[in-house]
Amino acid sequence: MKRVVLIGALISSALVAAAQSDGYRESYDYSKKWNISFQVGPSYQIYENYFAYYNHRQGADLFNIQKTLNIGYDFTKSFGTRLSINYGDNSAAYNIEETADKIFRPYSFRSVDFFLDAILNISGLEDDLGPFSTKVFGGVGLGTSSGFKDDTDNPHPWQEYVTSNRALAFRVGVILEYDLPSDAGLFFEINGAGLSDNYNGLEPGEYNHWGEGYAGFPLDLKFFAGFGFIYHL
């Protein structure tokens, strides 16, 4: 009799564990659900002449706070998409290599960038759903820049920036997300973006600098790392 009770208890425990496991998996399956998220963190910019900040011991100024709002949709356990709107300040500098005085002339501007990302949930791909998930993504978008302001009283002798710009963009990144059974969650994201060279108002070439010399990298670059809050609707 004791053996029967023991076997019954073991079977009951196994069934309860199985039921909990199924519920556990279902509670983290966000297929065909919308989500909204917000994140904030530092953005690091590499534009033309960014090295001038380090030459003048102001490299920390290349870090600026970026705020992001995302609206997403999960088609399946493993694949989703999102529209991302990013707002932040940026730090850049005029040409210093080809000016006689070599004076450091920084300037700043605001940006609002839009991305459409395709997201792959590696945990869902392996059918291993749980509170923690690892996601990778890639996206294309449009970067916009405005609100340019010189941070020096000494104007550049020949270079000028364009004060309103639109730049094609792309980015890739990784998301580490931890979700609660309540459909809310926290996540950490890191990404890198490349934008058309006019994004920071300067597009080095023969038409906008004197004589021959470096033309700059063909892309403006931004790197972001930040924490966020997500809610699955």
C-alpha atoms as a PDB file:
ATOM      1  CA  MET A   1       0.000   0.000   0.000  1.00  0.00           C
ATOM      2  CA  LYS A   2       2.787   2.346   0.873  1.00  0.00           C
ATOM      3  CA  ARG A   3       4.409   1.622  -2.497  1.00  0.00           C
ATOM      4  CA  VAL A   4       1.160   2.485  -4.298  1.00  0.00           C
ATOM      5  CA  VAL A   5       0.874   5.753  -2.391  1.00  0.00           C
ATOM      6  CA  LEU A   6       4.502   6.543  -3.106  1.00  0.00           C
ATOM      7  CA  ILE A   7       4.137   5.791  -6.824  1.00  0.00           C
ATOM      8  CA  GLY A   8       0.927   7.836  -6.921  1.00  0.00           C
ATOM      9  CA  ALA A   9       2.663  10.747  -5.239  1.00  0.00           C
ATOM     10  CA  LEU A  10       5.556  10.579  -7.703  1.00  0.00           C
ATOM     11  CA  ILE A  11       3.181  10.487 -10.666  1.00  0.00           C
ATOM     12  CA  SER A  12       1.185  13.408  -9.258  1.00  0.00           C
ATOM     13  CA  SER A  13       4.360  15.394  -8.732  1.00  0.00           C
ATOM     14  CA  ALA A  14       5.465  14.652 -12.285  1.00  0.00           C
ATOM     15  CA  LEU A  15       2.098  15.759 -13.691  1.00  0.00           C
ATOM     16  CA  VAL A  16       2.151  18.969 -11.658  1.00  0.00           C
ATOM     17  CA  ALA A  17       5.706  19.671 -12.802  1.00  0.00           C
ATOM     18  CA  ALA A  18       4.713  19.021 -16.410  1.00  0.00           C
ATOM     19  CA  ALA A  19       1.708  21.295 -16.116  1.00  0.00           C
ATOM     20  CA  GLN A  20       3.840  24.010 -14.558  1.00  0.00           C
ATOM     21  CA  SER A  21       6.424  23.549 -17.292  1.00  0.00           C
ATOM     22  CA  ASP A  22       3.785  23.905 -20.018  1.00  0.00           C
ATOM     23  CA  GLY A  23       2.373  26.987 -18.323  1.00  0.00           C
ATOM     24  CA  TYR A  24       5.889  28.283 -17.862  1.00  0.00           C
ATOM     25  CA  ARG A  25       6.526  27.955 -21.581  1.00  0.00           C
ATOM     26  CA  GLU A  26       3.183  29.417 -22.568  1.00  0.00           C
ATOM     27  CA  SER A  27       3.574  32.407 -20.277  1.00  0.00           C
ATOM     28  CA  TYR A  28       6.698  33.472 -22.207  1.00  0.00           C
ATOM     29  CA  ASP A  29       5.356  32.816 -25.687  1.00  0.00           C
ATOM     30  CA  TYR A  30       4.566  36.262 -27.123  1.00  0.00           C
ATOM     31  CA  SER A  31       3.609  35.098 -30.601  1.00  0.00           C
ATOM     32  CA  LYS A  32       1.151  37.454 -32.311  1.00  0.00           C
ATOM     33  CA  LYS A  33       1.465  40.036 -29.538  1.00  0.00           C
ATOM     34  CA  TRP A  34       2.432  43.698 -29.634  1.00  0.00           C
ATOM     35  CA  ASN A  35       4.934  45.211 -27.231  1.00  0.00           C
ATOM     36  CA  ILE A  36       6.072  48.666 -26.247  1.00  0.00           C
ATOM     37  CA  SER A  37       9.416  49.513 -24.678  1.00  0.00           C
ATOM     38  CA  PHE A  38      11.518  52.443 -23.551  1.00  0.00           C
ATOM     39  CA  GLN A  39      15.261  52.556 -23.046  1.00  0.00           C
ATOM     40  CA  VAL A  40      17.929  55.061 -22.118  1.00  0.00           C
ATOM     41  CA  GLY A  41      21.712  54.995 -22.055  1.00  0.00           C
ATOM     42  CA  PRO A  42      24.929  56.504 -23.391  1.00  0.00           C
ATOM     43  CA  SER A  43      25.595  56.897 -27.097  1.00  0.00           C
ATOM     44  CA  TYR A  44      29.139  57.207 -28.400  1.00  0.00           C
ATOM     45  CA  GLN A  45      29.690  59.071 -31.679  1.00  0.00           C
ATOM     46  CA  ILE A  46      32.502  58.693 -34.209  1.00  0.00           C
ATOM     47  CA  TYR A  47      32.253  61.465 -36.777  1.00  0.00           C
ATOM     48  CA  GLU A  48      34.873  63.345 -38.782  1.00  0.00           C
ATOM     49  CA  ASN A  49      37.536  64.763 -36.508  1.00  0.00           C
ATOM     50  CA  TYR A  50      36.333  62.883 -33.414  1.00  0.00           C
ATOM     51  CA  PHE A  51      40.015  62.347 -32.557  1.00  0.00           C
ATOM     52  CA  ALA A  52      40.254  66.099 -31.926  1.00  0.00           C
ATOM     53  CA  TYR A  53      38.342  65.542 -28.668  1.00  0.00           C
ATOM     54  CA  TYR A  54      41.033  63.145 -27.444  1.00  0.00           C
ATOM     55  CA  ASN A  55      43.835  65.409 -28.651  1.00  0.00           C
ATOM     56  CA  HIS A  56      42.377  68.072 -26.372  1.00  0.00           C
ATOM     57  CA  ARG A  57      41.526  65.726 -23.490  1.00  0.00           C
ATOM     58  CA  GLN A  58      37.790  66.010 -23.974  1.00  0.00           C
ATOM     59  CA  GLY A  59      37.055  62.472 -25.165  1.00  0.00           C
ATOM     60  CA  ALA A  60      34.306  62.046 -22.565  1.00  0.00           C
ATOM     61  CA  ASP A  61      32.259  64.661 -24.453  1.00  0.00           C
ATOM     62  CA  LEU A  62      31.716  62.122 -27.248  1.00  0.00           C
ATOM     63  CA  PHE A  63      29.328  60.264 -24.907  1.00  0.00           C
ATOM     64  CA  ASN A  64      25.773  61.622 -24.873  1.00  0.00           C
ATOM     65  CA  ILE A  65      22.503  60.316 -23.455  1.00  0.00           C
ATOM     66  CA  GLN A  66      20.084  58.762 -25.952  1.00  0.00           C
ATOM     67  CA  LYS A  67      16.416  57.996 -25.291  1.00  0.00           C
ATOM     68  CA  THR A  68      14.517  55.428 -27.338  1.00  0.00           C
ATOM     69  CA  LEU A  69      10.868  54.449 -27.757  1.00  0.00           C
ATOM     70  CA  ASN A  70      10.066  51.131 -29.465  1.00  0.00           C
ATOM     71  CA  ILE A  71       6.817  49.619 -30.713  1.00  0.00           C
ATOM     72  CA  GLY A  72       7.175  45.970 -31.682  1.00  0.00           C
ATOM     73  CA  TYR A  73       5.286  42.888 -32.791  1.00  0.00           C
ATOM     74  CA  ASP A  74       6.219  39.207 -32.403  1.00  0.00           C
ATOM     75  CA  PHE A  75       5.049  37.105 -35.336  1.00  0.00           C
ATOM     76  CA  THR A  76       6.302  33.822 -33.845  1.00  0.00           C
ATOM     77  CA  LYS A  77       8.323  32.563 -30.875  1.00  0.00           C
ATOM     78  CA  SER A  78      11.518  33.330 -32.722  1.00  0.00           C
ATOM     79  CA  PHE A  79      10.825  36.253 -35.055  1.00  0.00           C
ATOM     80  CA  GLY A  80       9.577  39.769 -34.480  1.00  0.00           C
ATOM     81  CA  THR A  81       9.959  43.335 -35.635  1.00  0.00           C
ATOM     82  CA  ARG A  82       9.885  46.809 -34.138  1.00  0.00           C
ATOM     83  CA  LEU A  83       9.791  50.472 -35.033  1.00  0.00           C
ATOM     84  CA  SER A  84      12.355  52.440 -33.058  1.00  0.00           C
ATOM     85  CA  ILE A  85      12.519  56.203 -32.506  1.00  0.00           C
ATOM     86  CA  ASN A  86      15.769  57.504 -31.005  1.00  0.00           C
ATOM     87  CA  TYR A  87      16.406  60.997 -29.658  1.00  0.00           C
ATOM     88  CA  GLY A  88      19.679  62.385 -28.362  1.00  0.00           C
ATOM     89  CA  ASP A  89      22.458  64.954 -28.420  1.00  0.00           C
ATOM     90  CA  ASN A  90      25.643  64.581 -30.449  1.00  0.00           C
ATOM     91  CA  SER A  91      29.191  65.926 -30.345  1.00  0.00           C
ATOM     92  CA  ALA A  92      31.307  66.646 -33.421  1.00  0.00           C
ATOM     93  CA  ALA A  93      34.154  68.905 -34.524  1.00  0.00           C
ATOM     94  CA  TYR A  94      35.421  70.870 -37.492  1.00  0.00           C
ATOM     95  CA  ASN A  95      38.504  69.948 -39.475  1.00  0.00           C
ATOM     96  CA  ILE A  96      41.705  70.613 -37.529  1.00  0.00           C
ATOM     97  CA  GLU A  97      44.300  68.786 -39.647  1.00  0.00           C
ATOM     98  CA  GLU A  98      44.217  71.211 -42.570  1.00  0.00           C
ATOM     99  CA  THR A  99      43.871  74.514 -40.769  1.00  0.00           C
ATOM    100  CA  ALA A 100      46.959  76.570 -40.046  1.00  0.00           C
ATOM    101  CA  ASP A 101      46.046  77.312 -36.430  1.00  0.00           C
ATOM    102  CA  LYS A 102      45.060  73.690 -35.500  1.00  0.00           C
ATOM    103  CA  ILE A 103      42.445  75.113 -33.126  1.00  0.00           C
ATOM    104  CA  PHE A 104      39.900  72.692 -31.650  1.00  0.00           C
ATOM    105  CA  ARG A 105      36.437  73.805 -32.773  1.00  0.00           C
ATOM    106  CA  PRO A 106      33.707  71.505 -31.413  1.00  0.00           C
ATOM    107  CA  TYR A 107      30.013  71.766 -32.194  1.00  0.00           C
ATOM    108  CA  SER A 108      26.879  69.933 -31.086  1.00  0.00           C
ATOM    109  CA  PHE A 109      23.525  68.990 -32.593  1.00  0.00           C
ATOM    110  CA  ARG A 110      20.354  67.041 -31.866  1.00  0.00           C
ATOM    111  CA  SER A 111      19.199  63.944 -33.719  1.00  0.00           C
ATOM    112  CA  VAL A 112      15.976  61.997 -34.165  1.00  0.00           C
ATOM    113  CA  ASP A 113      16.550  58.632 -35.828  1.00  0.00           C
ATOM    114  CA  PHE A 114      14.036  56.079 -37.068  1.00  0.00           C
ATOM    115  CA  PHE A 115      14.760  52.364 -37.504  1.00  0.00           C
ATOM    116  CA  LEU A 116      12.779  49.331 -38.569  1.00  0.00           C
ATOM    117  CA  ASP A 117      14.407  46.277 -36.991  1.00  0.00           C
ATOM    118  CA  ALA A 118      14.017  42.558 -37.684  1.00  0.00           C
ATOM    119  CA  ILE A 119      14.556  40.636 -34.422  1.00  0.00           C
ATOM    120  CA  LEU A 120      15.551  36.994 -34.029  1.00  0.00           C
ATOM    121  CA  ASN A 121      14.864  35.430 -30.617  1.00  0.00           C
ATOM    122  CA  ILE A 122      17.523  32.732 -30.300  1.00  0.00           C
ATOM    123  CA  SER A 123      15.766  31.209 -27.273  1.00  0.00           C
ATOM    124  CA  GLY A 124      12.540  30.869 -29.264  1.00  0.00           C
ATOM    125  CA  LEU A 125      14.419  29.436 -32.220  1.00  0.00           C
ATOM    126  CA  GLU A 126      15.695  26.662 -29.962  1.00  0.00           C
ATOM    127  CA  ASP A 127      12.208  26.267 -28.420  1.00  0.00           C
ATOM    128  CA  ASP A 128      13.688  27.026 -25.019  1.00  0.00           C
ATOM    129  CA  LEU A 129      11.350  29.763 -23.830  1.00  0.00           C
ATOM    130  CA  GLY A 130      11.766  31.123 -20.356  1.00  0.00           C
ATOM    131  CA  PRO A 131      12.139  34.384 -18.455  1.00  0.00           C
ATOM    132  CA  PHE A 132      15.548  35.047 -19.996  1.00  0.00           C
ATOM    133  CA  SER A 133      15.980  35.435 -23.748  1.00  0.00           C
ATOM    134  CA  THR A 134      18.808  36.398 -26.071  1.00  0.00           C
ATOM    135  CA  LYS A 135      17.910  38.289 -29.237  1.00  0.00           C
ATOM    136  CA  VAL A 136      19.881  39.627 -32.180  1.00  0.00           C
ATOM    137  CA  PHE A 137      18.618  42.203 -34.654  1.00  0.00           C
ATOM    138  CA  GLY A 138      19.396  44.203 -37.732  1.00  0.00           C
ATOM    139  CA  GLY A 139      17.596  47.203 -39.120  1.00  0.00           C
ATOM    140  CA  VAL A 140      17.486  49.975 -41.657  1.00  0.00           C
ATOM    141  CA  GLY A 141      16.315  53.498 -41.129  1.00  0.00           C
ATOM    142  CA  LEU A 142      16.627  57.234 -41.498  1.00  0.00           C
ATOM    143  CA  GLY A 143      18.694  59.553 -39.343  1.00  0.00           C
ATOM    144  CA  THR A 144      17.834  63.242 -39.036  1.00  0.00           C
ATOM    145  CA  SER A 145      19.983  65.963 -37.502  1.00  0.00           C
ATOM    146  CA  SER A 146      19.246  69.599 -36.628  1.00  0.00           C
ATOM    147  CA  GLY A 147      19.752  72.184 -33.898  1.00  0.00           C
ATOM    148  CA  PHE A 148      23.431  72.702 -34.708  1.00  0.00           C
ATOM    149  CA  LYS A 149      25.362  74.904 -32.321  1.00  0.00           C
ATOM    150  CA  ASP A 150      29.003  75.967 -32.275  1.00  0.00           C
ATOM    151  CA  ASP A 151      30.679  75.318 -28.925  1.00  0.00           C
ATOM    152  CA  THR A 152      33.432  77.816 -29.695  1.00  0.00           C
ATOM    153  CA  ASP A 153      33.592  81.569 -30.299  1.00  0.00           C
ATOM    154  CA  ASN A 154      36.276  81.119 -32.943  1.00  0.00           C
ATOM    155  CA  PRO A 155      34.627  80.216 -36.288  1.00  0.00           C
ATOM    156  CA  HIS A 156      36.322  77.821 -38.687  1.00  0.00           C
ATOM    157  CA  PRO A 157      38.128  79.689 -41.513  1.00  0.00           C
ATOM    158  CA  TRP A 158      36.519  77.750 -44.393  1.00  0.00           C
ATOM    159  CA  GLN A 159      34.427  74.768 -43.296  1.00  0.00           C
ATOM    160  CA  GLU A 160      30.678  75.014 -42.641  1.00  0.00           C
ATOM    161  CA  TYR A 161      28.151  72.389 -41.621  1.00  0.00           C
ATOM    162  CA  VAL A 162      24.699  71.889 -43.102  1.00  0.00           C
ATOM    163  CA  THR A 163      22.141  72.649 -40.408  1.00  0.00           C
ATOM    164  CA  SER A 164      19.392  70.161 -41.357  1.00  0.00           C
ATOM    165  CA  ASN A 165      20.161  66.674 -42.663  1.00  0.00           C
ATOM    166  CA  ARG A 166      18.621  63.327 -43.544  1.00  0.00           C
ATOM    167  CA  ALA A 167      20.846  60.283 -43.714  1.00  0.00           C
ATOM    168  CA  LEU A 168      20.217  56.668 -44.661  1.00  0.00           C
ATOM    169  CA  ALA A 169      21.143  54.321 -41.829  1.00  0.00           C
ATOM    170  CA  PHE A 170      21.557  50.705 -40.814  1.00  0.00           C
ATOM    171  CA  ARG A 171      22.374  49.000 -37.522  1.00  0.00           C
ATOM    172  CA  VAL A 172      22.913  45.660 -35.799  1.00  0.00           C
ATOM    173  CA  GLY A 173      22.687  44.744 -32.140  1.00  0.00           C
ATOM    174  CA  VAL A 174      22.033  42.317 -29.295  1.00  0.00           C
ATOM    175  CA  ILE A 175      19.265  42.311 -26.667  1.00  0.00           C
ATOM    176  CA  LEU A 176      19.395  40.457 -23.346  1.00  0.00           C
ATOM    177  CA  GLU A 177      15.864  40.395 -21.924  1.00  0.00           C
ATOM    178  CA  TYR A 178      14.376  39.166 -18.650  1.00  0.00           C
ATOM    179  CA  ASP A 179      10.575  38.900 -18.549  1.00  0.00           C
ATOM    180  CA  LEU A 180       8.216  38.506 -15.622  1.00  0.00           C
ATOM    181  CA  PRO A 181       5.050  36.357 -15.744  1.00  0.00           C
ATOM    182  CA  SER A 182       3.100  39.636 -15.689  1.00  0.00           C
ATOM    183  CA  ASP A 183       4.217  40.334 -19.312  1.00  0.00           C
ATOM    184  CA  ALA A 184       6.539  43.121 -18.149  1.00  0.00           C
ATOM    185  CA  GLY A 185      10.284  42.840 -18.485  1.00  0.00           C
ATOM    186  CA  LEU A 186      13.686  44.478 -18.327  1.00  0.00           C
ATOM    187  CA  PHE A 187      16.390  44.351 -20.965  1.00  0.00           C
ATOM    188  CA  PHE A 188      19.887  45.460 -21.843  1.00  0.00           C
ATOM    189  CA  GLU A 189      20.705  46.397 -25.427  1.00  0.00           C
ATOM    190  CA  ILE A 190      23.886  47.214 -27.273  1.00  0.00           C
ATOM    191  CA  ASN A 191      23.978  48.248 -30.921  1.00  0.00           C
ATOM    192  CA  GLY A 192      26.069  49.958 -33.539  1.00  0.00           C
ATOM    193  CA  ALA A 193      24.775  52.109 -36.395  1.00  0.00           C
ATOM    194  CA  GLY A 194      26.254  53.431 -39.598  1.00  0.00           C
ATOM    195  CA  LEU A 195      24.771  56.546 -41.212  1.00  0.00           C
ATOM    196  CA  SER A 196      25.380  58.456 -44.426  1.00  0.00           C
ATOM    197  CA  ASP A 197      28.358  60.764 -44.076  1.00  0.00           C
ATOM    198  CA  ASN A 198      26.243  63.933 -44.100  1.00  0.00           C
ATOM    199  CA  TYR A 199      24.565  63.017 -40.787  1.00  0.00           C
ATOM    200  CA  ASN A 200      26.766  65.284 -38.685  1.00  0.00           C
ATOM    201  CA  GLY A 201      26.429  68.170 -41.122  1.00  0.00           C
ATOM    202  CA  LEU A 202      29.819  67.556 -42.749  1.00  0.00           C
ATOM    203  CA  GLU A 203      30.567  65.373 -45.737  1.00  0.00           C
ATOM    204  CA  PRO A 204      34.296  65.713 -46.384  1.00  0.00           C
ATOM    205  CA  GLY A 205      35.252  66.064 -49.999  1.00  0.00           C
ATOM    206  CA  GLU A 206      36.985  68.440 -52.348  1.00  0.00           C
ATOM    207  CA  TYR A 207      34.022  70.791 -52.314  1.00  0.00           C
ATOM    208  CA  ASN A 208      34.135  71.566 -48.593  1.00  0.00           C
ATOM    209  CA  HIS A 209      37.757  71.615 -47.527  1.00  0.00           C
ATOM    210  CA  TRP A 210      40.796  73.433 -48.760  1.00  0.00           C
ATOM    211  CA  GLY A 211      43.332  71.545 -50.834  1.00  0.00           C
ATOM    212  CA  GLU A 212      44.071  67.850 -50.789  1.00  0.00           C
ATOM    213  CA  GLY A 213      43.925  65.748 -47.679  1.00  0.00           C
ATOM    214  CA  TYR A 214      41.942  63.187 -45.736  1.00  0.00           C
ATOM    215  CA  ALA A 215      38.300  62.962 -46.729  1.00  0.00           C
ATOM    216  CA  GLY A 216      37.125  61.117 -43.643  1.00  0.00           C
ATOM    217  CA  PHE A 217      35.491  57.727 -43.166  1.00  0.00           C
ATOM    218  CA  PRO A 218      32.565  57.222 -45.608  1.00  0.00           C
ATOM    219  CA  LEU A 219      30.087  56.700 -42.743  1.00  0.00           C
ATOM    220  CA  ASP A 220      29.166  58.449 -39.520  1.00  0.00           C
ATOM    221  CA  LEU A 221      29.049  55.923 -36.670  1.00  0.00           C
ATOM    222  CA  LYS A 222      27.089  55.686 -33.438  1.00  0.00           C
ATOM    223  CA  PHE A 223      27.288  53.067 -30.698  1.00  0.00           C
ATOM    224  CA  PHE A 224      24.669  52.684 -27.986  1.00  0.00           C
ATOM    225  CA  ALA A 225      24.346  50.671 -24.769  1.00  0.00           C
ATOM    226  CA  GLY A 226      21.412  51.038 -22.394  1.00  0.00           C
ATOM    227  CA  PHE A 227      18.791  49.491 -20.155  1.00  0.00           C
ATOM    228  CA  GLY A 228      15.102  49.443 -20.912  1.00  0.00           C
ATOM    229  CA  PHE A 229      11.623  48.413 -19.800  1.00  0.00           C
ATOM    230  CA  ILE A 230       9.307  46.382 -22.042  1.00  0.00           C
ATOM    231  CA  TYR A 231       5.648  45.443 -21.750  1.00  0.00           C
ATOM    232  CA  HIS A 232       4.004  42.778 -23.918  1.00  0.00           C
ATOM    233  CA  LEU A 233       0.402  43.744 -24.669  1.00  0.00           C
END
